[in-house]
């Protein structure tokens, strides 16, 4: 089984698992795989948005239900909890949409928001908006990387003949110099 077949066979469920948790790396790779034709690009975006939404909904619920217990496992986050709660209270729209773009807060962020006074409905709505933006942006970056890599490979293939001729000329020149020294 080759890599393309593995991606086509297992790519979507790996994407689901990855996007339920952190997800950026998996989603970037899925966007790249979609560009290469192994995955459907629209399916990648939809799956990533839905899985990202559901993952954050779960972590919001976890924060709402068991926030202090969960937070005890993250001493660094716990040390900044009061400041983060004030930030959430003041800018909850931006925080809810932007938390999935913030490295290190992808899981802790929804837990912290779940511990705040933000309503479940408001979180769900803003979480959906953030999930769609995130899925489109990250998958798009992966797709664009694939496009850039394809353009680079085309240029390399075009330059390949000239590179080969240059190496042949260099080899001939080295051979001629060495041959002259012997004479």
C-alpha atoms as a PDB file:
ATOM      1  CA  UNK A   1       0.000   0.000   0.000  1.00  0.00           C
ATOM      2  CA  UNK A   2       1.462   3.408  -0.968  1.00  0.00           C
ATOM      3  CA  UNK A   3       1.207   6.682   0.940  1.00  0.00           C
ATOM      4  CA  UNK A   4      -1.550   8.054  -1.297  1.00  0.00           C
ATOM      5  CA  UNK A   5      -3.727   5.001  -0.668  1.00  0.00           C
ATOM      6  CA  UNK A   6      -3.166   5.267   3.071  1.00  0.00           C
ATOM      7  CA  UNK A   7      -4.201   8.922   3.035  1.00  0.00           C
ATOM      8  CA  UNK A   8      -7.285   8.197   0.938  1.00  0.00           C
ATOM      9  CA  UNK A   9      -8.264   5.294   3.218  1.00  0.00           C
ATOM     10  CA  UNK A  10      -7.514   6.785   6.640  1.00  0.00           C
ATOM     11  CA  UNK A  11      -7.201  10.530   6.074  1.00  0.00           C
ATOM     12  CA  UNK A  12     -10.688  11.571   7.101  1.00  0.00           C
ATOM     13  CA  UNK A  13     -10.852   9.737  10.424  1.00  0.00           C
ATOM     14  CA  UNK A  14      -7.328  10.901  11.307  1.00  0.00           C
ATOM     15  CA  UNK A  15      -8.532  14.426  10.525  1.00  0.00           C
ATOM     16  CA  UNK A  16     -11.525  13.976  12.848  1.00  0.00           C
ATOM     17  CA  UNK A  17      -9.363  12.791  15.750  1.00  0.00           C
ATOM     18  CA  UNK A  18      -6.772  15.503  15.169  1.00  0.00           C
ATOM     19  CA  UNK A  19      -9.350  18.288  14.990  1.00  0.00           C
ATOM     20  CA  UNK A  20     -11.177  17.093  18.091  1.00  0.00           C
ATOM     21  CA  UNK A  21      -7.964  17.870  19.957  1.00  0.00           C
ATOM     22  CA  UNK A  22      -5.307  20.317  18.752  1.00  0.00           C
ATOM     23  CA  UNK A  23      -5.623  19.846  15.005  1.00  0.00           C
ATOM     24  CA  UNK A  24      -3.502  22.481  13.264  1.00  0.00           C
ATOM     25  CA  UNK A  25      -0.780  20.154  12.026  1.00  0.00           C
ATOM     26  CA  UNK A  26      -3.245  17.471  10.933  1.00  0.00           C
ATOM     27  CA  UNK A  27      -5.415  20.079   9.200  1.00  0.00           C
ATOM     28  CA  UNK A  28      -2.415  21.607   7.407  1.00  0.00           C
ATOM     29  CA  UNK A  29      -1.452  18.157   6.157  1.00  0.00           C
ATOM     30  CA  UNK A  30      -5.045  17.432   5.137  1.00  0.00           C
ATOM     31  CA  UNK A  31      -5.131  20.689   3.154  1.00  0.00           C
ATOM     32  CA  UNK A  32      -1.908  19.648   1.452  1.00  0.00           C
ATOM     33  CA  UNK A  33      -3.332  16.148   0.778  1.00  0.00           C
ATOM     34  CA  UNK A  34      -6.462  17.763  -0.672  1.00  0.00           C
ATOM     35  CA  UNK A  35      -4.318  19.799  -3.027  1.00  0.00           C
ATOM     36  CA  UNK A  36      -2.556  16.606  -4.118  1.00  0.00           C
ATOM     37  CA  UNK A  37      -5.974  15.026  -4.829  1.00  0.00           C
ATOM     38  CA  UNK A  38      -5.967  12.449  -2.018  1.00  0.00           C
ATOM     39  CA  UNK A  39      -8.803  14.103  -0.072  1.00  0.00           C
ATOM     40  CA  UNK A  40     -11.762  16.246  -1.096  1.00  0.00           C
ATOM     41  CA  UNK A  41     -11.020  19.872  -0.110  1.00  0.00           C
ATOM     42  CA  UNK A  42     -14.610  20.691   0.860  1.00  0.00           C
ATOM     43  CA  UNK A  43     -14.854  17.538   2.956  1.00  0.00           C
ATOM     44  CA  UNK A  44     -11.607  18.497   4.710  1.00  0.00           C
ATOM     45  CA  UNK A  45     -12.986  21.934   5.640  1.00  0.00           C
ATOM     46  CA  UNK A  46     -16.393  20.600   6.744  1.00  0.00           C
ATOM     47  CA  UNK A  47     -14.927  17.721   8.771  1.00  0.00           C
ATOM     48  CA  UNK A  48     -12.362  20.008  10.413  1.00  0.00           C
ATOM     49  CA  UNK A  49     -14.972  22.644  11.273  1.00  0.00           C
ATOM     50  CA  UNK A  50     -17.410  20.108  12.738  1.00  0.00           C
ATOM     51  CA  UNK A  51     -14.740  18.190  14.682  1.00  0.00           C
ATOM     52  CA  UNK A  52     -13.131  21.419  15.932  1.00  0.00           C
ATOM     53  CA  UNK A  53     -16.546  22.709  17.004  1.00  0.00           C
ATOM     54  CA  UNK A  54     -17.444  19.474  18.810  1.00  0.00           C
ATOM     55  CA  UNK A  55     -14.061  19.262  20.531  1.00  0.00           C
ATOM     56  CA  UNK A  56     -14.354  22.793  21.887  1.00  0.00           C
ATOM     57  CA  UNK A  57     -17.967  22.178  22.936  1.00  0.00           C
ATOM     58  CA  UNK A  58     -16.783  19.173  24.949  1.00  0.00           C
ATOM     59  CA  UNK A  59     -14.001  21.150  26.621  1.00  0.00           C
ATOM     60  CA  UNK A  60     -16.447  24.004  27.355  1.00  0.00           C
ATOM     61  CA  UNK A  61     -18.781  21.494  29.006  1.00  0.00           C
ATOM     62  CA  UNK A  62     -15.836  20.016  30.919  1.00  0.00           C
ATOM     63  CA  UNK A  63     -14.949  23.497  32.195  1.00  0.00           C
ATOM     64  CA  UNK A  64     -18.534  24.211  33.126  1.00  0.00           C
ATOM     65  CA  UNK A  65     -18.922  20.896  34.943  1.00  0.00           C
ATOM     66  CA  UNK A  66     -15.453  20.168  36.397  1.00  0.00           C
ATOM     67  CA  UNK A  67     -13.473  23.359  35.759  1.00  0.00           C
ATOM     68  CA  UNK A  68     -11.534  23.708  39.007  1.00  0.00           C
ATOM     69  CA  UNK A  69     -10.600  20.014  39.026  1.00  0.00           C
ATOM     70  CA  UNK A  70      -9.419  20.142  35.396  1.00  0.00           C
ATOM     71  CA  UNK A  71      -7.607  23.439  35.943  1.00  0.00           C
ATOM     72  CA  UNK A  72      -5.651  21.919  38.835  1.00  0.00           C
ATOM     73  CA  UNK A  73      -3.816  19.819  36.216  1.00  0.00           C
ATOM     74  CA  UNK A  74      -2.514  23.000  34.528  1.00  0.00           C
ATOM     75  CA  UNK A  75      -0.681  24.975  37.251  1.00  0.00           C
ATOM     76  CA  UNK A  76       0.537  27.617  34.798  1.00  0.00           C
ATOM     77  CA  UNK A  77      -2.972  28.286  33.523  1.00  0.00           C
ATOM     78  CA  UNK A  78      -4.344  28.180  37.077  1.00  0.00           C
ATOM     79  CA  UNK A  79      -1.837  30.849  38.116  1.00  0.00           C
ATOM     80  CA  UNK A  80      -3.267  33.172  35.437  1.00  0.00           C
ATOM     81  CA  UNK A  81      -6.904  32.127  35.856  1.00  0.00           C
ATOM     82  CA  UNK A  82      -8.138  35.373  37.447  1.00  0.00           C
ATOM     83  CA  UNK A  83      -6.567  37.507  34.711  1.00  0.00           C
ATOM     84  CA  UNK A  84      -7.890  35.183  32.001  1.00  0.00           C
ATOM     85  CA  UNK A  85     -11.389  35.240  33.490  1.00  0.00           C
ATOM     86  CA  UNK A  86     -11.370  39.074  33.438  1.00  0.00           C
ATOM     87  CA  UNK A  87     -10.228  38.950  29.810  1.00  0.00           C
ATOM     88  CA  UNK A  88     -13.023  36.501  28.943  1.00  0.00           C
ATOM     89  CA  UNK A  89     -15.626  38.634  30.740  1.00  0.00           C
ATOM     90  CA  UNK A  90     -14.556  41.773  28.898  1.00  0.00           C
ATOM     91  CA  UNK A  91     -13.812  40.431  25.401  1.00  0.00           C
ATOM     92  CA  UNK A  92     -15.644  37.107  25.279  1.00  0.00           C
ATOM     93  CA  UNK A  93     -16.578  37.356  21.579  1.00  0.00           C
ATOM     94  CA  UNK A  94     -12.978  37.836  20.441  1.00  0.00           C
ATOM     95  CA  UNK A  95     -11.672  35.313  22.967  1.00  0.00           C
ATOM     96  CA  UNK A  96     -14.130  32.594  21.932  1.00  0.00           C
ATOM     97  CA  UNK A  97     -13.441  33.046  18.217  1.00  0.00           C
ATOM     98  CA  UNK A  98      -9.699  33.568  18.645  1.00  0.00           C
ATOM     99  CA  UNK A  99      -8.854  30.932  21.249  1.00  0.00           C
ATOM    100  CA  UNK A 100      -8.479  28.190  18.663  1.00  0.00           C
ATOM    101  CA  UNK A 101      -5.826  30.274  16.896  1.00  0.00           C
ATOM    102  CA  UNK A 102      -3.809  30.727  20.107  1.00  0.00           C
ATOM    103  CA  UNK A 103      -1.042  28.202  20.601  1.00  0.00           C
ATOM    104  CA  UNK A 104      -1.299  26.417  23.927  1.00  0.00           C
ATOM    105  CA  UNK A 105      -4.878  27.433  24.659  1.00  0.00           C
ATOM    106  CA  UNK A 106      -6.732  25.222  22.204  1.00  0.00           C
ATOM    107  CA  UNK A 107      -7.907  22.888  24.989  1.00  0.00           C
ATOM    108  CA  UNK A 108      -7.431  25.104  28.043  1.00  0.00           C
ATOM    109  CA  UNK A 109      -9.279  28.026  26.436  1.00  0.00           C
ATOM    110  CA  UNK A 110     -12.688  26.366  26.143  1.00  0.00           C
ATOM    111  CA  UNK A 111     -12.273  24.935  29.665  1.00  0.00           C
ATOM    112  CA  UNK A 112     -11.624  28.443  30.995  1.00  0.00           C
ATOM    113  CA  UNK A 113     -14.526  29.877  29.009  1.00  0.00           C
ATOM    114  CA  UNK A 114     -16.731  27.092  30.411  1.00  0.00           C
ATOM    115  CA  UNK A 115     -15.803  28.317  33.893  1.00  0.00           C
ATOM    116  CA  UNK A 116     -16.936  31.845  33.029  1.00  0.00           C
ATOM    117  CA  UNK A 117     -20.400  33.396  32.894  1.00  0.00           C
ATOM    118  CA  UNK A 118     -20.642  33.024  29.083  1.00  0.00           C
ATOM    119  CA  UNK A 119     -23.876  31.218  28.202  1.00  0.00           C
ATOM    120  CA  UNK A 120     -23.852  27.849  26.446  1.00  0.00           C
ATOM    121  CA  UNK A 121     -25.762  29.259  23.466  1.00  0.00           C
ATOM    122  CA  UNK A 122     -23.454  32.233  23.007  1.00  0.00           C
ATOM    123  CA  UNK A 123     -20.409  29.989  23.237  1.00  0.00           C
ATOM    124  CA  UNK A 124     -21.876  27.517  20.716  1.00  0.00           C
ATOM    125  CA  UNK A 125     -22.637  30.281  18.194  1.00  0.00           C
ATOM    126  CA  UNK A 126     -19.240  31.958  18.471  1.00  0.00           C
ATOM    127  CA  UNK A 127     -17.485  28.593  18.613  1.00  0.00           C
ATOM    128  CA  UNK A 128     -19.159  27.653  15.299  1.00  0.00           C
ATOM    129  CA  UNK A 129     -17.975  30.898  13.705  1.00  0.00           C
ATOM    130  CA  UNK A 130     -14.438  30.338  14.998  1.00  0.00           C
ATOM    131  CA  UNK A 131     -14.419  26.693  13.868  1.00  0.00           C
ATOM    132  CA  UNK A 132     -15.426  27.587  10.299  1.00  0.00           C
ATOM    133  CA  UNK A 133     -12.864  30.407  10.079  1.00  0.00           C
ATOM    134  CA  UNK A 134     -10.164  28.161  11.541  1.00  0.00           C
ATOM    135  CA  UNK A 135     -10.936  25.245   9.204  1.00  0.00           C
ATOM    136  CA  UNK A 136     -10.961  27.457   6.111  1.00  0.00           C
ATOM    137  CA  UNK A 137      -7.775  29.312   7.065  1.00  0.00           C
ATOM    138  CA  UNK A 138      -5.628  26.360   8.169  1.00  0.00           C
ATOM    139  CA  UNK A 139      -6.778  24.025   5.368  1.00  0.00           C
ATOM    140  CA  UNK A 140      -6.239  26.922   2.939  1.00  0.00           C
ATOM    141  CA  UNK A 141      -2.669  27.357   4.166  1.00  0.00           C
ATOM    142  CA  UNK A 142      -2.071  23.631   3.620  1.00  0.00           C
ATOM    143  CA  UNK A 143      -3.614  23.880   0.143  1.00  0.00           C
ATOM    144  CA  UNK A 144      -1.467  26.943  -0.650  1.00  0.00           C
ATOM    145  CA  UNK A 145       1.649  25.136   0.534  1.00  0.00           C
ATOM    146  CA  UNK A 146       0.765  22.340  -1.899  1.00  0.00           C
ATOM    147  CA  UNK A 147       0.332  24.869  -4.695  1.00  0.00           C
ATOM    148  CA  UNK A 148       3.676  26.513  -3.877  1.00  0.00           C
ATOM    149  CA  UNK A 149       5.412  23.134  -3.703  1.00  0.00           C
ATOM    150  CA  UNK A 150       3.898  22.180  -7.062  1.00  0.00           C
ATOM    151  CA  UNK A 151       5.142  25.399  -8.659  1.00  0.00           C
ATOM    152  CA  UNK A 152       8.596  24.861  -7.178  1.00  0.00           C
ATOM    153  CA  UNK A 153       8.728  21.293  -8.459  1.00  0.00           C
ATOM    154  CA  UNK A 154       7.713  22.479 -11.946  1.00  0.00           C
ATOM    155  CA  UNK A 155      10.533  25.015 -11.888  1.00  0.00           C
ATOM    156  CA  UNK A 156      12.974  22.401 -10.649  1.00  0.00           C
ATOM    157  CA  UNK A 157      11.898  20.023 -13.420  1.00  0.00           C
ATOM    158  CA  UNK A 158      12.394  22.772 -15.987  1.00  0.00           C
ATOM    159  CA  UNK A 159      15.815  23.571 -14.534  1.00  0.00           C
ATOM    160  CA  UNK A 160      16.718  19.895 -14.298  1.00  0.00           C
ATOM    161  CA  UNK A 161      17.899  19.667 -17.918  1.00  0.00           C
ATOM    162  CA  UNK A 162      20.083  22.764 -17.542  1.00  0.00           C
ATOM    163  CA  UNK A 163      21.419  21.487 -14.242  1.00  0.00           C
ATOM    164  CA  UNK A 164      22.225  18.116 -15.802  1.00  0.00           C
ATOM    165  CA  UNK A 165      23.953  19.787 -18.769  1.00  0.00           C
ATOM    166  CA  UNK A 166      25.896  22.049 -16.365  1.00  0.00           C
ATOM    167  CA  UNK A 167      27.028  19.055 -14.305  1.00  0.00           C
ATOM    168  CA  UNK A 168      28.045  17.210 -17.475  1.00  0.00           C
ATOM    169  CA  UNK A 169      30.025  20.248 -18.643  1.00  0.00           C
ATOM    170  CA  UNK A 170      31.667  20.543 -15.217  1.00  0.00           C
ATOM    171  CA  UNK A 171      32.560  16.841 -15.247  1.00  0.00           C
ATOM    172  CA  UNK A 172      34.006  17.217 -18.749  1.00  0.00           C
ATOM    173  CA  UNK A 173      36.007  20.258 -17.652  1.00  0.00           C
ATOM    174  CA  UNK A 174      37.392  18.413 -14.589  1.00  0.00           C
ATOM    175  CA  UNK A 175      38.294  15.455 -16.782  1.00  0.00           C
ATOM    176  CA  UNK A 176      40.049  17.714 -19.318  1.00  0.00           C
ATOM    177  CA  UNK A 177      42.034  19.518 -16.587  1.00  0.00           C
ATOM    178  CA  UNK A 178      43.097  16.230 -14.997  1.00  0.00           C
ATOM    179  CA  UNK A 179      43.971  14.774 -18.421  1.00  0.00           C
ATOM    180  CA  UNK A 180      46.130  17.819 -19.309  1.00  0.00           C
ATOM    181  CA  UNK A 181      47.999  17.609 -15.994  1.00  0.00           C
ATOM    182  CA  UNK A 182      48.949  14.022 -16.722  1.00  0.00           C
ATOM    183  CA  UNK A 183      50.392  14.896 -20.141  1.00  0.00           C
END
